[in-house]
């Protein structure tokens, strides 16, 4: 019978998958962190919103978070297009 120490654990498998995906598209974790930062800032500012209605404050928070995510996605697409079409390639890779 084979031993279980050679098999990757569930945590190792998920961690390596996340790191692999983050290396393939680095702007996804940046967008997620930015969204979390905008939400945290909006919640922090919630206590000092003054006479602004709650719904208006939440709409502004949502628009800020969505804007950050759309910006990160746009930068990610531009980065991947650069890597695919404009980045200098190794002459040895073309012969493969």
PDB file of N, CA and C in Angstrom:
ATOM      1  N   UNK A   1       0.827  -1.174   0.000  1.00  0.00           N
ATOM      2  CA  UNK A   1       0.000   0.000   0.000  1.00  0.00           C
ATOM      3  C   UNK A   1       0.879   1.248   0.000  1.00  0.00           C
ATOM      4  N   UNK A   2       0.367   2.304  -0.576  1.00  0.00           N
ATOM      5  CA  UNK A   2       1.131   3.537  -0.609  1.00  0.00           C
ATOM      6  C   UNK A   2       0.905   4.318   0.677  1.00  0.00           C
ATOM      7  N   UNK A   3       1.884   5.115   1.018  1.00  0.00           N
ATOM      8  CA  UNK A   3       1.766   5.915   2.234  1.00  0.00           C
ATOM      9  C   UNK A   3       1.090   7.246   1.913  1.00  0.00           C
ATOM     10  N   UNK A   4       0.459   7.816   2.902  1.00  0.00           N
ATOM     11  CA  UNK A   4      -0.253   9.085   2.727  1.00  0.00           C
ATOM     12  C   UNK A   4       0.662  10.290   2.773  1.00  0.00           C
ATOM     13  N   UNK A   5       1.914  10.124   3.166  1.00  0.00           N
ATOM     14  CA  UNK A   5       2.798  11.279   3.273  1.00  0.00           C
ATOM     15  C   UNK A   5       3.220  11.812   1.902  1.00  0.00           C
ATOM     16  N   UNK A   6       3.064  11.018   0.850  1.00  0.00           N
ATOM     17  CA  UNK A   6       3.417  11.474  -0.489  1.00  0.00           C
ATOM     18  C   UNK A   6       2.299  12.295  -1.134  1.00  0.00           C
ATOM     19  N   UNK A   7       1.087  12.133  -0.662  1.00  0.00           N
ATOM     20  CA  UNK A   7      -0.048  12.840  -1.237  1.00  0.00           C
ATOM     21  C   UNK A   7      -0.156  14.246  -0.664  1.00  0.00           C
ATOM     22  N   UNK A   8      -0.462  15.230  -1.508  1.00  0.00           N
ATOM     23  CA  UNK A   8      -0.630  16.586  -0.977  1.00  0.00           C
ATOM     24  C   UNK A   8      -1.904  16.673  -0.142  1.00  0.00           C
ATOM     25  N   UNK A   9      -1.848  17.479   0.890  1.00  0.00           N
ATOM     26  CA  UNK A   9      -3.038  17.667   1.721  1.00  0.00           C
ATOM     27  C   UNK A   9      -3.969  18.656   1.054  1.00  0.00           C
ATOM     28  N   UNK A  10      -5.180  18.735   1.563  1.00  0.00           N
ATOM     29  CA  UNK A  10      -6.180  19.648   1.004  1.00  0.00           C
ATOM     30  C   UNK A  10      -5.721  21.099   1.113  1.00  0.00           C
ATOM     31  N   UNK A  11      -5.112  21.467   2.240  1.00  0.00           N
ATOM     32  CA  UNK A  11      -4.642  22.838   2.433  1.00  0.00           C
ATOM     33  C   UNK A  11      -3.506  23.176   1.481  1.00  0.00           C
ATOM     34  N   UNK A  12      -2.570  22.240   1.300  1.00  0.00           N
ATOM     35  CA  UNK A  12      -1.454  22.482   0.391  1.00  0.00           C
ATOM     36  C   UNK A  12      -1.955  22.656  -1.038  1.00  0.00           C
ATOM     37  N   UNK A  13      -2.937  21.856  -1.406  1.00  0.00           N
ATOM     38  CA  UNK A  13      -3.471  21.923  -2.760  1.00  0.00           C
ATOM     39  C   UNK A  13      -4.147  23.270  -3.008  1.00  0.00           C
ATOM     40  N   UNK A  14      -4.936  23.758  -2.061  1.00  0.00           N
ATOM     41  CA  UNK A  14      -5.605  25.039  -2.218  1.00  0.00           C
ATOM     42  C   UNK A  14      -4.621  26.193  -2.189  1.00  0.00           C
ATOM     43  N   UNK A  15      -3.630  26.119  -1.322  1.00  0.00           N
ATOM     44  CA  UNK A  15      -2.652  27.186  -1.240  1.00  0.00           C
ATOM     45  C   UNK A  15      -1.858  27.294  -2.539  1.00  0.00           C
ATOM     46  N   UNK A  16      -1.428  26.189  -3.081  1.00  0.00           N
ATOM     47  CA  UNK A  16      -0.653  26.236  -4.301  1.00  0.00           C
ATOM     48  C   UNK A  16      -1.525  26.705  -5.473  1.00  0.00           C
ATOM     49  N   UNK A  17      -2.796  26.341  -5.465  1.00  0.00           N
ATOM     50  CA  UNK A  17      -3.697  26.796  -6.519  1.00  0.00           C
ATOM     51  C   UNK A  17      -3.880  28.310  -6.446  1.00  0.00           C
ATOM     52  N   UNK A  18      -4.050  28.854  -5.234  1.00  0.00           N
ATOM     53  CA  UNK A  18      -4.199  30.298  -5.080  1.00  0.00           C
ATOM     54  C   UNK A  18      -2.933  31.023  -5.512  1.00  0.00           C
ATOM     55  N   UNK A  19      -1.770  30.511  -5.093  1.00  0.00           N
ATOM     56  CA  UNK A  19      -0.517  31.153  -5.475  1.00  0.00           C
ATOM     57  C   UNK A  19      -0.281  31.074  -6.981  1.00  0.00           C
ATOM     58  N   UNK A  20      -0.647  29.953  -7.575  1.00  0.00           N
ATOM     59  CA  UNK A  20      -0.493  29.803  -9.022  1.00  0.00           C
ATOM     60  C   UNK A  20      -1.396  30.795  -9.753  1.00  0.00           C
ATOM     61  N   UNK A  21      -2.638  30.911  -9.305  1.00  0.00           N
ATOM     62  CA  UNK A  21      -3.562  31.858  -9.934  1.00  0.00           C
ATOM     63  C   UNK A  21      -3.109  33.295  -9.718  1.00  0.00           C
ATOM     64  N   UNK A  22      -2.553  33.594  -8.548  1.00  0.00           N
ATOM     65  CA  UNK A  22      -2.074  34.946  -8.273  1.00  0.00           C
ATOM     66  C   UNK A  22      -0.888  35.301  -9.153  1.00  0.00           C
ATOM     67  N   UNK A  23      -0.048  34.308  -9.470  1.00  0.00           N
ATOM     68  CA  UNK A  23       1.083  34.568 -10.365  1.00  0.00           C
ATOM     69  C   UNK A  23       0.617  34.763 -11.801  1.00  0.00           C
ATOM     70  N   UNK A  24      -0.429  34.018 -12.195  1.00  0.00           N
ATOM     71  CA  UNK A  24      -0.944  34.150 -13.563  1.00  0.00           C
ATOM     72  C   UNK A  24      -1.619  35.500 -13.773  1.00  0.00           C
ATOM     73  N   UNK A  25      -2.386  35.952 -12.813  1.00  0.00           N
ATOM     74  CA  UNK A  25      -3.068  37.242 -12.916  1.00  0.00           C
ATOM     75  C   UNK A  25      -2.913  37.980 -11.590  1.00  0.00           C
ATOM     76  N   UNK A  26      -1.834  38.750 -11.449  1.00  0.00           N
ATOM     77  CA  UNK A  26      -1.520  39.373 -10.159  1.00  0.00           C
ATOM     78  C   UNK A  26      -2.475  40.484  -9.750  1.00  0.00           C
ATOM     79  N   UNK A  27      -3.291  40.981 -10.645  1.00  0.00           N
ATOM     80  CA  UNK A  27      -4.167  42.080 -10.288  1.00  0.00           C
ATOM     81  C   UNK A  27      -5.453  41.614  -9.616  1.00  0.00           C
ATOM     82  N   UNK A  28      -5.749  40.329  -9.636  1.00  0.00           N
ATOM     83  CA  UNK A  28      -6.938  39.814  -8.956  1.00  0.00           C
ATOM     84  C   UNK A  28      -6.797  39.966  -7.439  1.00  0.00           C
ATOM     85  N   UNK A  29      -5.691  39.517  -6.822  1.00  0.00           N
ATOM     86  CA  UNK A  29      -5.556  39.747  -5.375  1.00  0.00           C
ATOM     87  C   UNK A  29      -5.483  41.231  -5.023  1.00  0.00           C
ATOM     88  N   UNK A  30      -4.906  42.032  -5.918  1.00  0.00           N
ATOM     89  CA  UNK A  30      -4.842  43.465  -5.672  1.00  0.00           C
ATOM     90  C   UNK A  30      -6.254  44.053  -5.685  1.00  0.00           C
ATOM     91  N   UNK A  31      -7.086  43.627  -6.632  1.00  0.00           N
ATOM     92  CA  UNK A  31      -8.464  44.090  -6.688  1.00  0.00           C
ATOM     93  C   UNK A  31      -9.263  43.655  -5.477  1.00  0.00           C
ATOM     94  N   UNK A  32      -9.041  42.423  -5.024  1.00  0.00           N
ATOM     95  CA  UNK A  32      -9.742  41.938  -3.832  1.00  0.00           C
ATOM     96  C   UNK A  32      -9.325  42.728  -2.600  1.00  0.00           C
ATOM     97  N   UNK A  33      -8.039  42.988  -2.464  1.00  0.00           N
ATOM     98  CA  UNK A  33      -7.555  43.756  -1.317  1.00  0.00           C
ATOM     99  C   UNK A  33      -8.056  45.200  -1.376  1.00  0.00           C
ATOM    100  N   UNK A  34      -8.089  45.771  -2.564  1.00  0.00           N
ATOM    101  CA  UNK A  34      -8.599  47.137  -2.706  1.00  0.00           C
ATOM    102  C   UNK A  34     -10.072  47.235  -2.370  1.00  0.00           C
ATOM    103  N   UNK A  35     -10.839  46.256  -2.793  1.00  0.00           N
ATOM    104  CA  UNK A  35     -12.262  46.225  -2.475  1.00  0.00           C
ATOM    105  C   UNK A  35     -12.461  46.131  -0.965  1.00  0.00           C
ATOM    106  N   UNK A  36     -11.701  45.263  -0.324  1.00  0.00           N
ATOM    107  CA  UNK A  36     -11.796  45.128   1.134  1.00  0.00           C
ATOM    108  C   UNK A  36     -11.380  46.426   1.826  1.00  0.00           C
ATOM    109  N   UNK A  37     -10.363  47.103   1.292  1.00  0.00           N
ATOM    110  CA  UNK A  37      -9.917  48.364   1.885  1.00  0.00           C
ATOM    111  C   UNK A  37     -10.982  49.455   1.741  1.00  0.00           C
ATOM    112  N   UNK A  38     -11.630  49.520   0.582  1.00  0.00           N
ATOM    113  CA  UNK A  38     -12.686  50.523   0.377  1.00  0.00           C
ATOM    114  C   UNK A  38     -13.855  50.252   1.313  1.00  0.00           C
ATOM    115  N   UNK A  39     -14.240  49.002   1.459  1.00  0.00           N
ATOM    116  CA  UNK A  39     -15.346  48.656   2.362  1.00  0.00           C
ATOM    117  C   UNK A  39     -14.970  48.978   3.807  1.00  0.00           C
ATOM    118  N   UNK A  40     -13.746  48.642   4.206  1.00  0.00           N
ATOM    119  CA  UNK A  40     -13.305  48.936   5.574  1.00  0.00           C
ATOM    120  C   UNK A  40     -13.290  50.444   5.823  1.00  0.00           C
ATOM    121  N   UNK A  41     -12.805  51.214   4.858  1.00  0.00           N
ATOM    122  CA  UNK A  41     -12.788  52.669   5.002  1.00  0.00           C
ATOM    123  C   UNK A  41     -14.207  53.220   5.075  1.00  0.00           C
ATOM    124  N   UNK A  42     -15.103  52.677   4.259  1.00  0.00           N
ATOM    125  CA  UNK A  42     -16.493  53.128   4.287  1.00  0.00           C
ATOM    126  C   UNK A  42     -17.163  52.824   5.611  1.00  0.00           C
ATOM    127  N   UNK A  43     -16.878  51.647   6.169  1.00  0.00           N
ATOM    128  CA  UNK A  43     -17.443  51.315   7.479  1.00  0.00           C
ATOM    129  C   UNK A  43     -16.859  52.185   8.578  1.00  0.00           C
ATOM    130  N   UNK A  44     -15.579  52.521   8.455  1.00  0.00           N
ATOM    131  CA  UNK A  44     -14.942  53.403   9.431  1.00  0.00           C
ATOM    132  C   UNK A  44     -15.540  54.804   9.358  1.00  0.00           C
ATOM    133  N   UNK A  45     -15.830  55.258   8.131  1.00  0.00           N
ATOM    134  CA  UNK A  45     -16.414  56.593   7.944  1.00  0.00           C
ATOM    135  C   UNK A  45     -17.911  56.640   8.248  1.00  0.00           C
ATOM    136  N   UNK A  46     -18.504  55.497   8.468  1.00  0.00           N
ATOM    137  CA  UNK A  46     -19.934  55.424   8.715  1.00  0.00           C
ATOM    138  C   UNK A  46     -20.336  56.237   9.944  1.00  0.00           C
ATOM    139  N   UNK A  47     -19.503  56.257  10.955  1.00  0.00           N
ATOM    140  CA  UNK A  47     -19.851  56.965  12.183  1.00  0.00           C
ATOM    141  C   UNK A  47     -19.780  58.481  12.023  1.00  0.00           C
ATOM    142  N   UNK A  48     -19.034  58.968  11.036  1.00  0.00           N
ATOM    143  CA  UNK A  48     -18.895  60.422  10.867  1.00  0.00           C
ATOM    144  C   UNK A  48     -19.471  60.886   9.541  1.00  0.00           C
ATOM    145  N   UNK A  49     -20.571  60.279   9.120  1.00  0.00           N
ATOM    146  CA  UNK A  49     -21.145  60.649   7.829  1.00  0.00           C
ATOM    147  C   UNK A  49     -21.976  61.917   7.907  1.00  0.00           C
ATOM    148  N   UNK A  50     -22.230  62.406   9.088  1.00  0.00           N
ATOM    149  CA  UNK A  50     -22.994  63.635   9.239  1.00  0.00           C
ATOM    150  C   UNK A  50     -24.463  63.419   8.956  1.00  0.00           C
ATOM    151  N   UNK A  51     -25.056  64.345   8.186  1.00  0.00           N
ATOM    152  CA  UNK A  51     -26.486  64.232   7.894  1.00  0.00           C
ATOM    153  C   UNK A  51     -26.763  63.504   6.582  1.00  0.00           C
ATOM    154  N   UNK A  52     -25.749  62.832   6.037  1.00  0.00           N
ATOM    155  CA  UNK A  52     -25.935  62.066   4.809  1.00  0.00           C
ATOM    156  C   UNK A  52     -26.771  60.821   5.118  1.00  0.00           C
ATOM    157  N   UNK A  53     -27.709  60.520   4.233  1.00  0.00           N
ATOM    158  CA  UNK A  53     -28.536  59.334   4.430  1.00  0.00           C
ATOM    159  C   UNK A  53     -27.678  58.079   4.333  1.00  0.00           C
ATOM    160  N   UNK A  54     -28.124  57.060   5.027  1.00  0.00           N
ATOM    161  CA  UNK A  54     -27.401  55.775   5.025  1.00  0.00           C
ATOM    162  C   UNK A  54     -27.351  55.189   3.623  1.00  0.00           C
ATOM    163  N   UNK A  55     -28.449  55.274   2.877  1.00  0.00           N
ATOM    164  CA  UNK A  55     -28.479  54.684   1.538  1.00  0.00           C
ATOM    165  C   UNK A  55     -27.480  55.374   0.606  1.00  0.00           C
ATOM    166  N   UNK A  56     -27.354  56.675   0.717  1.00  0.00           N
ATOM    167  CA  UNK A  56     -26.400  57.412  -0.121  1.00  0.00           C
ATOM    168  C   UNK A  56     -24.972  57.016   0.242  1.00  0.00           C
ATOM    169  N   UNK A  57     -24.719  56.882   1.533  1.00  0.00           N
ATOM    170  CA  UNK A  57     -23.379  56.475   1.970  1.00  0.00           C
ATOM    171  C   UNK A  57     -23.036  55.078   1.444  1.00  0.00           C
ATOM    172  N   UNK A  58     -23.985  54.153   1.516  1.00  0.00           N
ATOM    173  CA  UNK A  58     -23.740  52.788   1.034  1.00  0.00           C
ATOM    174  C   UNK A  58     -23.569  52.753  -0.478  1.00  0.00           C
ATOM    175  N   UNK A  59     -24.300  53.577  -1.193  1.00  0.00           N
ATOM    176  CA  UNK A  59     -24.136  53.643  -2.654  1.00  0.00           C
ATOM    177  C   UNK A  59     -22.746  54.156  -3.000  1.00  0.00           C
ATOM    178  N   UNK A  60     -22.283  55.182  -2.300  1.00  0.00           N
ATOM    179  CA  UNK A  60     -20.937  55.701  -2.555  1.00  0.00           C
ATOM    180  C   UNK A  60     -19.878  54.643  -2.254  1.00  0.00           C
ATOM    181  N   UNK A  61     -20.087  53.891  -1.177  1.00  0.00           N
ATOM    182  CA  UNK A  61     -19.154  52.827  -0.836  1.00  0.00           C
ATOM    183  C   UNK A  61     -19.139  51.749  -1.917  1.00  0.00           C
ATOM    184  N   UNK A  62     -20.311  51.372  -2.402  1.00  0.00           N
ATOM    185  CA  UNK A  62     -20.405  50.341  -3.435  1.00  0.00           C
ATOM    186  C   UNK A  62     -19.739  50.805  -4.723  1.00  0.00           C
ATOM    187  N   UNK A  63     -19.973  52.050  -5.114  1.00  0.00           N
ATOM    188  CA  UNK A  63     -19.372  52.576  -6.340  1.00  0.00           C
ATOM    189  C   UNK A  63     -17.852  52.617  -6.219  1.00  0.00           C
ATOM    190  N   UNK A  64     -17.346  52.992  -5.059  1.00  0.00           N
ATOM    191  CA  UNK A  64     -15.897  53.010  -4.854  1.00  0.00           C
ATOM    192  C   UNK A  64     -15.287  51.618  -4.950  1.00  0.00           C
ATOM    193  N   UNK A  65     -15.938  50.643  -4.331  1.00  0.00           N
ATOM    194  CA  UNK A  65     -15.424  49.273  -4.376  1.00  0.00           C
ATOM    195  C   UNK A  65     -15.481  48.723  -5.794  1.00  0.00           C
ATOM    196  N   UNK A  66     -16.592  48.956  -6.487  1.00  0.00           N
ATOM    197  CA  UNK A  66     -16.707  48.480  -7.866  1.00  0.00           C
ATOM    198  C   UNK A  66     -15.702  49.173  -8.770  1.00  0.00           C
ATOM    199  N   UNK A  67     -15.479  50.444  -8.557  1.00  0.00           N
ATOM    200  CA  UNK A  67     -14.491  51.170  -9.356  1.00  0.00           C
ATOM    201  C   UNK A  67     -13.097  50.610  -9.169  1.00  0.00           C
ATOM    202  N   UNK A  68     -12.765  50.256  -7.935  1.00  0.00           N
ATOM    203  CA  UNK A  68     -11.449  49.681  -7.686  1.00  0.00           C
ATOM    204  C   UNK A  68     -11.312  48.339  -8.379  1.00  0.00           C
ATOM    205  N   UNK A  69     -12.342  47.524  -8.337  1.00  0.00           N
ATOM    206  CA  UNK A  69     -12.285  46.206  -8.971  1.00  0.00           C
ATOM    207  C   UNK A  69     -12.215  46.331 -10.486  1.00  0.00           C
ATOM    208  N   UNK A  70     -13.006  47.226 -11.064  1.00  0.00           N
ATOM    209  CA  UNK A  70     -12.970  47.415 -12.520  1.00  0.00           C
ATOM    210  C   UNK A  70     -11.598  47.942 -12.943  1.00  0.00           C
ATOM    211  N   UNK A  71     -11.028  48.834 -12.164  1.00  0.00           N
ATOM    212  CA  UNK A  71      -9.687  49.322 -12.465  1.00  0.00           C
ATOM    213  C   UNK A  71      -8.641  48.227 -12.404  1.00  0.00           C
ATOM    214  N   UNK A  72      -8.727  47.366 -11.396  1.00  0.00           N
ATOM    215  CA  UNK A  72      -7.781  46.255 -11.291  1.00  0.00           C
ATOM    216  C   UNK A  72      -7.964  45.280 -12.436  1.00  0.00           C
ATOM    217  N   UNK A  73      -9.216  45.020 -12.829  1.00  0.00           N
ATOM    218  CA  UNK A  73      -9.451  44.122 -13.965  1.00  0.00           C
ATOM    219  C   UNK A  73      -8.904  44.722 -15.252  1.00  0.00           C
ATOM    220  N   UNK A  74      -9.082  46.015 -15.446  1.00  0.00           N
ATOM    221  CA  UNK A  74      -8.561  46.678 -16.646  1.00  0.00           C
ATOM    222  C   UNK A  74      -7.042  46.594 -16.684  1.00  0.00           C
ATOM    223  N   UNK A  75      -6.399  46.871 -15.560  1.00  0.00           N
ATOM    224  CA  UNK A  75      -4.942  46.762 -15.519  1.00  0.00           C
ATOM    225  C   UNK A  75      -4.491  45.325 -15.761  1.00  0.00           C
ATOM    226  N   UNK A  76      -5.247  44.363 -15.263  1.00  0.00           N
ATOM    227  CA  UNK A  76      -4.913  42.964 -15.495  1.00  0.00           C
ATOM    228  C   UNK A  76      -4.998  42.579 -16.957  1.00  0.00           C
ATOM    229  N   UNK A  77      -6.026  43.064 -17.645  1.00  0.00           N
ATOM    230  CA  UNK A  77      -6.176  42.780 -19.077  1.00  0.00           C
ATOM    231  C   UNK A  77      -5.050  43.437 -19.870  1.00  0.00           C
ATOM    232  N   UNK A  78      -4.722  44.670 -19.517  1.00  0.00           N
ATOM    233  CA  UNK A  78      -3.629  45.362 -20.205  1.00  0.00           C
ATOM    234  C   UNK A  78      -2.308  44.630 -19.968  1.00  0.00           C
ATOM    235  N   UNK A  79      -2.091  44.174 -18.734  1.00  0.00           N
ATOM    236  CA  UNK A  79      -0.868  43.436 -18.406  1.00  0.00           C
ATOM    237  C   UNK A  79      -0.784  42.120 -19.188  1.00  0.00           C
ATOM    238  N   UNK A  80      -1.885  41.398 -19.260  1.00  0.00           N
ATOM    239  CA  UNK A  80      -1.849  40.125 -19.990  1.00  0.00           C
ATOM    240  C   UNK A  80      -1.682  40.349 -21.492  1.00  0.00           C
ATOM    241  N   UNK A  81      -2.281  41.413 -22.029  1.00  0.00           N
ATOM    242  CA  UNK A  81      -2.083  41.720 -23.448  1.00  0.00           C
ATOM    243  C   UNK A  81      -0.634  42.105 -23.715  1.00  0.00           C
ATOM    244  N   UNK A  82      -0.030  42.844 -22.789  1.00  0.00           N
ATOM    245  CA  UNK A  82       1.372  43.209 -22.940  1.00  0.00           C
ATOM    246  C   UNK A  82       2.249  41.962 -22.945  1.00  0.00           C
ATOM    247  N   UNK A  83       1.987  41.058 -21.980  1.00  0.00           N
ATOM    248  CA  UNK A  83       2.785  39.837 -21.918  1.00  0.00           C
ATOM    249  C   UNK A  83       2.618  38.994 -23.165  1.00  0.00           C
ATOM    250  N   UNK A  84       1.415  38.968 -23.726  1.00  0.00           N
ATOM    251  CA  UNK A  84       1.154  38.098 -24.869  1.00  0.00           C
ATOM    252  C   UNK A  84       1.653  38.686 -26.183  1.00  0.00           C
ATOM    253  N   UNK A  85       1.518  39.991 -26.373  1.00  0.00           N
ATOM    254  CA  UNK A  85       1.795  40.576 -27.684  1.00  0.00           C
ATOM    255  C   UNK A  85       3.036  41.462 -27.748  1.00  0.00           C
ATOM    256  N   UNK A  86       3.371  42.166 -26.684  1.00  0.00           N
ATOM    257  CA  UNK A  86       4.433  43.160 -26.781  1.00  0.00           C
ATOM    258  C   UNK A  86       5.708  42.808 -26.043  1.00  0.00           C
ATOM    259  N   UNK A  87       5.646  41.935 -25.066  1.00  0.00           N
ATOM    260  CA  UNK A  87       6.827  41.616 -24.267  1.00  0.00           C
ATOM    261  C   UNK A  87       7.855  40.900 -25.139  1.00  0.00           C
ATOM    262  N   UNK A  88       9.114  41.258 -24.973  1.00  0.00           N
ATOM    263  CA  UNK A  88      10.152  40.556 -25.738  1.00  0.00           C
ATOM    264  C   UNK A  88      10.203  39.087 -25.316  1.00  0.00           C
ATOM    265  N   UNK A  89      10.299  38.217 -26.302  1.00  0.00           N
ATOM    266  CA  UNK A  89      10.338  36.792 -26.015  1.00  0.00           C
ATOM    267  C   UNK A  89      11.752  36.267 -26.211  1.00  0.00           C
ATOM    268  N   UNK A  90      12.027  35.165 -25.583  1.00  0.00           N
ATOM    269  CA  UNK A  90      13.311  34.497 -25.714  1.00  0.00           C
ATOM    270  C   UNK A  90      13.366  33.802 -27.064  1.00  0.00           C
ATOM    271  N   UNK A  91      14.387  34.028 -27.893  1.00  0.00           N
ATOM    272  CA  UNK A  91      14.424  33.392 -29.213  1.00  0.00           C
ATOM    273  C   UNK A  91      14.412  31.862 -29.130  1.00  0.00           C
ATOM    274  N   UNK A  92      14.868  31.287 -28.032  1.00  0.00           N
ATOM    275  CA  UNK A  92      14.878  29.848 -27.884  1.00  0.00           C
ATOM    276  C   UNK A  92      13.469  29.279 -27.681  1.00  0.00           C
ATOM    277  N   UNK A  93      12.522  30.105 -27.185  1.00  0.00           N
ATOM    278  CA  UNK A  93      11.157  29.634 -26.946  1.00  0.00           C
ATOM    279  C   UNK A  93      10.372  29.478 -28.254  1.00  0.00           C
ATOM    280  N   UNK A  94      10.701  30.278 -29.271  1.00  0.00           N
ATOM    281  CA  UNK A  94       9.952  30.231 -30.521  1.00  0.00           C
ATOM    282  C   UNK A  94      10.177  28.934 -31.279  1.00  0.00           C
ATOM    283  N   UNK A  95      11.322  28.298 -31.090  1.00  0.00           N
ATOM    284  CA  UNK A  95      11.623  27.091 -31.833  1.00  0.00           C
ATOM    285  C   UNK A  95      10.934  25.857 -31.253  1.00  0.00           C
ATOM    286  N   UNK A  96      10.331  25.975 -30.068  1.00  0.00           N
ATOM    287  CA  UNK A  96       9.683  24.814 -29.441  1.00  0.00           C
ATOM    288  C   UNK A  96       8.376  24.472 -30.075  1.00  0.00           C
TER     289      UNK A  96
END
